[in-house]
């Protein structure tokens, strides 16, 4: 039996909010874009699982950014 990753069981709505936070949007921006209240998002951010999800998406954002810079430098060289 395989171990289930908790981040795989989170709703797509939570994934969307986590991606927005990881991209650097503020709680008020995310609330407006997601059609929810800022207080709801702040409560959600208190959840360790949601914070882990944001961290994972932030790591992806950083990796993509580094990859883009590397490709740009390679083209310029």
PDB file of N, CA and C in Angstrom:
ATOM      1  N   UNK A   1       0.848  -1.186   0.000  1.00  0.00           N
ATOM      2  CA  UNK A   1       0.000   0.000   0.000  1.00  0.00           C
ATOM      3  C   UNK A   1       0.891   1.247   0.000  1.00  0.00           C
ATOM      4  N   UNK A   2       0.626   2.179  -0.888  1.00  0.00           N
ATOM      5  CA  UNK A   2       1.446   3.377  -0.984  1.00  0.00           C
ATOM      6  C   UNK A   2       0.967   4.449   0.000  1.00  0.00           C
ATOM      7  N   UNK A   3       1.918   5.272   0.408  1.00  0.00           N
ATOM      8  CA  UNK A   3       1.616   6.362   1.328  1.00  0.00           C
ATOM      9  C   UNK A   3       0.982   7.510   0.540  1.00  0.00           C
ATOM     10  N   UNK A   4      -0.114   8.061   1.048  1.00  0.00           N
ATOM     11  CA  UNK A   4      -0.816   9.152   0.375  1.00  0.00           C
ATOM     12  C   UNK A   4      -0.242  10.475   0.862  1.00  0.00           C
ATOM     13  N   UNK A   5       0.129  11.327  -0.073  1.00  0.00           N
ATOM     14  CA  UNK A   5       0.648  12.649   0.236  1.00  0.00           C
ATOM     15  C   UNK A   5      -0.528  13.571   0.535  1.00  0.00           C
ATOM     16  N   UNK A   6      -0.506  14.206   1.700  1.00  0.00           N
ATOM     17  CA  UNK A   6      -1.615  15.071   2.120  1.00  0.00           C
ATOM     18  C   UNK A   6      -1.834  16.217   1.140  1.00  0.00           C
ATOM     19  N   UNK A   7      -0.758  16.717   0.519  1.00  0.00           N
ATOM     20  CA  UNK A   7      -0.898  17.827  -0.432  1.00  0.00           C
ATOM     21  C   UNK A   7      -1.667  17.416  -1.673  1.00  0.00           C
ATOM     22  N   UNK A   8      -1.711  16.121  -1.967  1.00  0.00           N
ATOM     23  CA  UNK A   8      -2.463  15.634  -3.117  1.00  0.00           C
ATOM     24  C   UNK A   8      -3.960  15.568  -2.829  1.00  0.00           C
ATOM     25  N   UNK A   9      -4.348  15.635  -1.564  1.00  0.00           N
ATOM     26  CA  UNK A   9      -5.752  15.521  -1.191  1.00  0.00           C
ATOM     27  C   UNK A   9      -6.427  16.872  -0.954  1.00  0.00           C
ATOM     28  N   UNK A  10      -5.689  17.938  -1.076  1.00  0.00           N
ATOM     29  CA  UNK A  10      -6.231  19.273  -0.828  1.00  0.00           C
ATOM     30  C   UNK A  10      -7.032  19.727  -2.054  1.00  0.00           C
ATOM     31  N   UNK A  11      -8.094  20.449  -1.813  1.00  0.00           N
ATOM     32  CA  UNK A  11      -8.955  20.940  -2.891  1.00  0.00           C
ATOM     33  C   UNK A  11      -8.185  21.820  -3.874  1.00  0.00           C
ATOM     34  N   UNK A  12      -8.644  21.816  -5.114  1.00  0.00           N
ATOM     35  CA  UNK A  12      -8.015  22.638  -6.148  1.00  0.00           C
ATOM     36  C   UNK A  12      -8.071  24.123  -5.769  1.00  0.00           C
ATOM     37  N   UNK A  13      -9.128  24.527  -5.091  1.00  0.00           N
ATOM     38  CA  UNK A  13      -9.248  25.922  -4.655  1.00  0.00           C
ATOM     39  C   UNK A  13      -8.098  26.313  -3.723  1.00  0.00           C
ATOM     40  N   UNK A  14      -7.709  25.385  -2.835  1.00  0.00           N
ATOM     41  CA  UNK A  14      -6.584  25.639  -1.940  1.00  0.00           C
ATOM     42  C   UNK A  14      -5.272  25.698  -2.728  1.00  0.00           C
ATOM     43  N   UNK A  15      -5.152  24.828  -3.725  1.00  0.00           N
ATOM     44  CA  UNK A  15      -3.959  24.859  -4.570  1.00  0.00           C
ATOM     45  C   UNK A  15      -3.851  26.205  -5.292  1.00  0.00           C
ATOM     46  N   UNK A  16      -4.969  26.692  -5.796  1.00  0.00           N
ATOM     47  CA  UNK A  16      -4.968  27.982  -6.496  1.00  0.00           C
ATOM     48  C   UNK A  16      -4.531  29.110  -5.566  1.00  0.00           C
ATOM     49  N   UNK A  17      -5.078  29.121  -4.368  1.00  0.00           N
ATOM     50  CA  UNK A  17      -4.703  30.155  -3.400  1.00  0.00           C
ATOM     51  C   UNK A  17      -3.226  30.031  -3.034  1.00  0.00           C
ATOM     52  N   UNK A  18      -2.752  28.820  -2.840  1.00  0.00           N
ATOM     53  CA  UNK A  18      -1.337  28.604  -2.485  1.00  0.00           C
ATOM     54  C   UNK A  18      -0.419  29.077  -3.605  1.00  0.00           C
ATOM     55  N   UNK A  19      -0.805  28.822  -4.858  1.00  0.00           N
ATOM     56  CA  UNK A  19       0.015  29.277  -5.989  1.00  0.00           C
ATOM     57  C   UNK A  19       0.068  30.804  -6.028  1.00  0.00           C
ATOM     58  N   UNK A  20      -1.051  31.458  -5.730  1.00  0.00           N
ATOM     59  CA  UNK A  20      -1.065  32.925  -5.718  1.00  0.00           C
ATOM     60  C   UNK A  20      -0.170  33.469  -4.609  1.00  0.00           C
ATOM     61  N   UNK A  21      -0.246  32.878  -3.422  1.00  0.00           N
ATOM     62  CA  UNK A  21       0.634  33.299  -2.325  1.00  0.00           C
ATOM     63  C   UNK A  21       2.096  33.071  -2.707  1.00  0.00           C
ATOM     64  N   UNK A  22       2.384  31.929  -3.299  1.00  0.00           N
ATOM     65  CA  UNK A  22       3.755  31.599  -3.685  1.00  0.00           C
ATOM     66  C   UNK A  22       4.299  32.574  -4.725  1.00  0.00           C
ATOM     67  N   UNK A  23       3.402  33.090  -5.556  1.00  0.00           N
ATOM     68  CA  UNK A  23       3.807  34.051  -6.582  1.00  0.00           C
ATOM     69  C   UNK A  23       4.004  35.453  -6.000  1.00  0.00           C
ATOM     70  N   UNK A  24       3.706  35.622  -4.712  1.00  0.00           N
ATOM     71  CA  UNK A  24       3.966  36.894  -4.050  1.00  0.00           C
ATOM     72  C   UNK A  24       2.767  37.791  -3.843  1.00  0.00           C
ATOM     73  N   UNK A  25       1.571  37.299  -4.127  1.00  0.00           N
ATOM     74  CA  UNK A  25       0.368  38.113  -3.914  1.00  0.00           C
ATOM     75  C   UNK A  25       0.054  38.232  -2.419  1.00  0.00           C
ATOM     76  N   UNK A  26      -0.512  39.354  -2.044  1.00  0.00           N
ATOM     77  CA  UNK A  26      -0.912  39.585  -0.656  1.00  0.00           C
ATOM     78  C   UNK A  26      -2.228  38.862  -0.363  1.00  0.00           C
ATOM     79  N   UNK A  27      -2.553  38.751   0.920  1.00  0.00           N
ATOM     80  CA  UNK A  27      -3.810  38.106   1.323  1.00  0.00           C
ATOM     81  C   UNK A  27      -5.012  38.848   0.745  1.00  0.00           C
ATOM     82  N   UNK A  28      -4.949  40.165   0.710  1.00  0.00           N
ATOM     83  CA  UNK A  28      -6.081  40.921   0.148  1.00  0.00           C
ATOM     84  C   UNK A  28      -6.211  40.672  -1.352  1.00  0.00           C
ATOM     85  N   UNK A  29      -5.081  40.572  -2.062  1.00  0.00           N
ATOM     86  CA  UNK A  29      -5.127  40.257  -3.502  1.00  0.00           C
ATOM     87  C   UNK A  29      -5.718  38.873  -3.740  1.00  0.00           C
ATOM     88  N   UNK A  30      -5.236  37.900  -2.969  1.00  0.00           N
ATOM     89  CA  UNK A  30      -5.702  36.523  -3.130  1.00  0.00           C
ATOM     90  C   UNK A  30      -7.193  36.437  -2.814  1.00  0.00           C
ATOM     91  N   UNK A  31      -7.619  37.107  -1.763  1.00  0.00           N
ATOM     92  CA  UNK A  31      -9.040  37.092  -1.392  1.00  0.00           C
ATOM     93  C   UNK A  31      -9.893  37.654  -2.524  1.00  0.00           C
ATOM     94  N   UNK A  32      -9.464  38.756  -3.089  1.00  0.00           N
ATOM     95  CA  UNK A  32     -10.209  39.379  -4.191  1.00  0.00           C
ATOM     96  C   UNK A  32     -10.244  38.454  -5.404  1.00  0.00           C
ATOM     97  N   UNK A  33      -9.098  37.885  -5.757  1.00  0.00           N
ATOM     98  CA  UNK A  33      -9.021  37.006  -6.932  1.00  0.00           C
ATOM     99  C   UNK A  33      -9.806  35.705  -6.744  1.00  0.00           C
ATOM    100  N   UNK A  34      -9.838  35.204  -5.509  1.00  0.00           N
ATOM    101  CA  UNK A  34     -10.504  33.934  -5.227  1.00  0.00           C
ATOM    102  C   UNK A  34     -11.970  34.118  -4.849  1.00  0.00           C
ATOM    103  N   UNK A  35     -12.389  35.354  -4.602  1.00  0.00           N
ATOM    104  CA  UNK A  35     -13.772  35.601  -4.221  1.00  0.00           C
ATOM    105  C   UNK A  35     -14.088  35.123  -2.814  1.00  0.00           C
ATOM    106  N   UNK A  36     -13.156  35.313  -1.909  1.00  0.00           N
ATOM    107  CA  UNK A  36     -13.348  34.914  -0.519  1.00  0.00           C
ATOM    108  C   UNK A  36     -12.913  36.057   0.394  1.00  0.00           C
ATOM    109  N   UNK A  37     -13.049  35.868   1.690  1.00  0.00           N
ATOM    110  CA  UNK A  37     -12.669  36.926   2.613  1.00  0.00           C
ATOM    111  C   UNK A  37     -11.203  36.783   3.009  1.00  0.00           C
ATOM    112  N   UNK A  38     -10.608  37.912   3.314  1.00  0.00           N
ATOM    113  CA  UNK A  38      -9.214  37.920   3.762  1.00  0.00           C
ATOM    114  C   UNK A  38      -9.076  37.167   5.086  1.00  0.00           C
ATOM    115  N   UNK A  39     -10.072  37.288   5.972  1.00  0.00           N
ATOM    116  CA  UNK A  39     -10.009  36.591   7.256  1.00  0.00           C
ATOM    117  C   UNK A  39     -10.026  35.076   7.066  1.00  0.00           C
ATOM    118  N   UNK A  40     -10.776  34.599   6.074  1.00  0.00           N
ATOM    119  CA  UNK A  40     -10.793  33.164   5.773  1.00  0.00           C
ATOM    120  C   UNK A  40      -9.412  32.708   5.315  1.00  0.00           C
ATOM    121  N   UNK A  41      -8.774  33.502   4.483  1.00  0.00           N
ATOM    122  CA  UNK A  41      -7.439  33.140   4.013  1.00  0.00           C
ATOM    123  C   UNK A  41      -6.410  33.161   5.138  1.00  0.00           C
ATOM    124  N   UNK A  42      -6.540  34.112   6.039  1.00  0.00           N
ATOM    125  CA  UNK A  42      -5.611  34.189   7.169  1.00  0.00           C
ATOM    126  C   UNK A  42      -5.759  32.947   8.047  1.00  0.00           C
ATOM    127  N   UNK A  43      -6.997  32.507   8.267  1.00  0.00           N
ATOM    128  CA  UNK A  43      -7.216  31.257   9.024  1.00  0.00           C
ATOM    129  C   UNK A  43      -6.611  30.070   8.281  1.00  0.00           C
ATOM    130  N   UNK A  44      -6.786  30.069   6.982  1.00  0.00           N
ATOM    131  CA  UNK A  44      -6.241  28.991   6.156  1.00  0.00           C
ATOM    132  C   UNK A  44      -4.713  28.975   6.247  1.00  0.00           C
ATOM    133  N   UNK A  45      -4.107  30.148   6.273  1.00  0.00           N
ATOM    134  CA  UNK A  45      -2.640  30.249   6.344  1.00  0.00           C
ATOM    135  C   UNK A  45      -2.097  29.775   7.688  1.00  0.00           C
ATOM    136  N   UNK A  46      -2.947  29.686   8.694  1.00  0.00           N
ATOM    137  CA  UNK A  46      -2.515  29.185   9.999  1.00  0.00           C
ATOM    138  C   UNK A  46      -2.376  27.664   9.997  1.00  0.00           C
ATOM    139  N   UNK A  47      -2.927  27.017   8.994  1.00  0.00           N
ATOM    140  CA  UNK A  47      -2.870  25.557   8.886  1.00  0.00           C
ATOM    141  C   UNK A  47      -1.494  25.135   8.371  1.00  0.00           C
ATOM    142  N   UNK A  48      -0.781  24.275   9.118  1.00  0.00           N
ATOM    143  CA  UNK A  48       0.558  23.844   8.700  1.00  0.00           C
ATOM    144  C   UNK A  48       0.570  23.160   7.334  1.00  0.00           C
ATOM    145  N   UNK A  49      -0.469  22.442   7.002  1.00  0.00           N
ATOM    146  CA  UNK A  49      -0.527  21.770   5.699  1.00  0.00           C
ATOM    147  C   UNK A  49      -0.606  22.792   4.576  1.00  0.00           C
ATOM    148  N   UNK A  50      -1.385  23.846   4.778  1.00  0.00           N
ATOM    149  CA  UNK A  50      -1.498  24.886   3.750  1.00  0.00           C
ATOM    150  C   UNK A  50      -0.176  25.631   3.617  1.00  0.00           C
ATOM    151  N   UNK A  51       0.496  25.897   4.743  1.00  0.00           N
ATOM    152  CA  UNK A  51       1.805  26.559   4.686  1.00  0.00           C
ATOM    153  C   UNK A  51       2.815  25.697   3.927  1.00  0.00           C
ATOM    154  N   UNK A  52       2.739  24.388   4.126  1.00  0.00           N
ATOM    155  CA  UNK A  52       3.623  23.475   3.392  1.00  0.00           C
ATOM    156  C   UNK A  52       3.324  23.536   1.895  1.00  0.00           C
ATOM    157  N   UNK A  53       2.061  23.604   1.552  1.00  0.00           N
ATOM    158  CA  UNK A  53       1.667  23.695   0.154  1.00  0.00           C
ATOM    159  C   UNK A  53       2.220  24.976  -0.483  1.00  0.00           C
ATOM    160  N   UNK A  54       2.116  26.096   0.225  1.00  0.00           N
ATOM    161  CA  UNK A  54       2.677  27.360  -0.271  1.00  0.00           C
ATOM    162  C   UNK A  54       4.181  27.215  -0.466  1.00  0.00           C
ATOM    163  N   UNK A  55       4.856  26.590   0.488  1.00  0.00           N
ATOM    164  CA  UNK A  55       6.308  26.398   0.383  1.00  0.00           C
ATOM    165  C   UNK A  55       6.679  25.575  -0.840  1.00  0.00           C
ATOM    166  N   UNK A  56       5.902  24.549  -1.101  1.00  0.00           N
ATOM    167  CA  UNK A  56       6.182  23.709  -2.282  1.00  0.00           C
ATOM    168  C   UNK A  56       6.008  24.505  -3.570  1.00  0.00           C
ATOM    169  N   UNK A  57       4.941  25.289  -3.649  1.00  0.00           N
ATOM    170  CA  UNK A  57       4.743  26.102  -4.846  1.00  0.00           C
ATOM    171  C   UNK A  57       5.792  27.208  -4.943  1.00  0.00           C
ATOM    172  N   UNK A  58       6.221  27.754  -3.821  1.00  0.00           N
ATOM    173  CA  UNK A  58       7.274  28.771  -3.822  1.00  0.00           C
ATOM    174  C   UNK A  58       8.573  28.169  -4.367  1.00  0.00           C
ATOM    175  N   UNK A  59       8.870  26.934  -3.988  1.00  0.00           N
ATOM    176  CA  UNK A  59      10.069  26.258  -4.492  1.00  0.00           C
ATOM    177  C   UNK A  59       9.984  26.085  -6.007  1.00  0.00           C
ATOM    178  N   UNK A  60       8.810  25.784  -6.505  1.00  0.00           N
ATOM    179  CA  UNK A  60       8.616  25.654  -7.952  1.00  0.00           C
ATOM    180  C   UNK A  60       8.835  27.014  -8.628  1.00  0.00           C
ATOM    181  N   UNK A  61       8.286  28.066  -8.029  1.00  0.00           N
ATOM    182  CA  UNK A  61       8.457  29.415  -8.573  1.00  0.00           C
ATOM    183  C   UNK A  61       9.942  29.779  -8.657  1.00  0.00           C
ATOM    184  N   UNK A  62      10.686  29.483  -7.597  1.00  0.00           N
ATOM    185  CA  UNK A  62      12.115  29.794  -7.566  1.00  0.00           C
ATOM    186  C   UNK A  62      12.853  28.978  -8.618  1.00  0.00           C
ATOM    187  N   UNK A  63      12.552  27.698  -8.711  1.00  0.00           N
ATOM    188  CA  UNK A  63      13.211  26.838  -9.690  1.00  0.00           C
ATOM    189  C   UNK A  63      12.937  27.325 -11.111  1.00  0.00           C
ATOM    190  N   UNK A  64      11.700  27.723 -11.380  1.00  0.00           N
ATOM    191  CA  UNK A  64      11.370  28.225 -12.710  1.00  0.00           C
ATOM    192  C   UNK A  64      12.117  29.528 -12.985  1.00  0.00           C
ATOM    193  N   UNK A  65      12.191  30.383 -11.989  1.00  0.00           N
ATOM    194  CA  UNK A  65      12.875  31.655 -12.146  1.00  0.00           C
ATOM    195  C   UNK A  65      14.359  31.439 -12.430  1.00  0.00           C
ATOM    196  N   UNK A  66      14.972  30.528 -11.688  1.00  0.00           N
ATOM    197  CA  UNK A  66      16.388  30.224 -11.894  1.00  0.00           C
ATOM    198  C   UNK A  66      16.596  29.644 -13.285  1.00  0.00           C
ATOM    199  N   UNK A  67      15.697  28.736 -13.696  1.00  0.00           N
ATOM    200  CA  UNK A  67      15.786  28.152 -15.028  1.00  0.00           C
ATOM    201  C   UNK A  67      15.657  29.184 -16.131  1.00  0.00           C
ATOM    202  N   UNK A  68      14.752  30.133 -15.949  1.00  0.00           N
ATOM    203  CA  UNK A  68      14.565  31.196 -16.935  1.00  0.00           C
ATOM    204  C   UNK A  68      15.799  32.082 -17.018  1.00  0.00           C
ATOM    205  N   UNK A  69      16.381  32.421 -15.865  1.00  0.00           N
ATOM    206  CA  UNK A  69      17.597  33.239 -15.875  1.00  0.00           C
ATOM    207  C   UNK A  69      18.739  32.493 -16.538  1.00  0.00           C
ATOM    208  N   UNK A  70      18.862  31.200 -16.239  1.00  0.00           N
ATOM    209  CA  UNK A  70      19.923  30.387 -16.830  1.00  0.00           C
ATOM    210  C   UNK A  70      19.778  30.362 -18.353  1.00  0.00           C
ATOM    211  N   UNK A  71      18.545  30.156 -18.836  1.00  0.00           N
ATOM    212  CA  UNK A  71      18.316  30.125 -20.278  1.00  0.00           C
ATOM    213  C   UNK A  71      18.626  31.483 -20.907  1.00  0.00           C
ATOM    214  N   UNK A  72      18.255  32.561 -20.221  1.00  0.00           N
ATOM    215  CA  UNK A  72      18.524  33.903 -20.746  1.00  0.00           C
ATOM    216  C   UNK A  72      20.027  34.155 -20.832  1.00  0.00           C
ATOM    217  N   UNK A  73      20.761  33.739 -19.815  1.00  0.00           N
ATOM    218  CA  UNK A  73      22.221  33.925 -19.831  1.00  0.00           C
ATOM    219  C   UNK A  73      22.859  33.055 -20.902  1.00  0.00           C
ATOM    220  N   UNK A  74      22.320  31.863 -21.122  1.00  0.00           N
ATOM    221  CA  UNK A  74      22.860  30.966 -22.129  1.00  0.00           C
ATOM    222  C   UNK A  74      22.672  31.546 -23.532  1.00  0.00           C
ATOM    223  N   UNK A  75      21.535  32.165 -23.753  1.00  0.00           N
ATOM    224  CA  UNK A  75      21.247  32.771 -25.052  1.00  0.00           C
ATOM    225  C   UNK A  75      22.134  33.984 -25.273  1.00  0.00           C
ATOM    226  N   UNK A  76      22.351  34.759 -24.205  1.00  0.00           N
ATOM    227  CA  UNK A  76      23.144  35.988 -24.316  1.00  0.00           C
ATOM    228  C   UNK A  76      24.628  35.692 -24.527  1.00  0.00           C
ATOM    229  N   UNK A  77      25.080  34.521 -24.109  1.00  0.00           N
ATOM    230  CA  UNK A  77      26.520  34.200 -24.172  1.00  0.00           C
ATOM    231  C   UNK A  77      26.973  33.868 -25.561  1.00  0.00           C
TER     232      UNK A  77
END
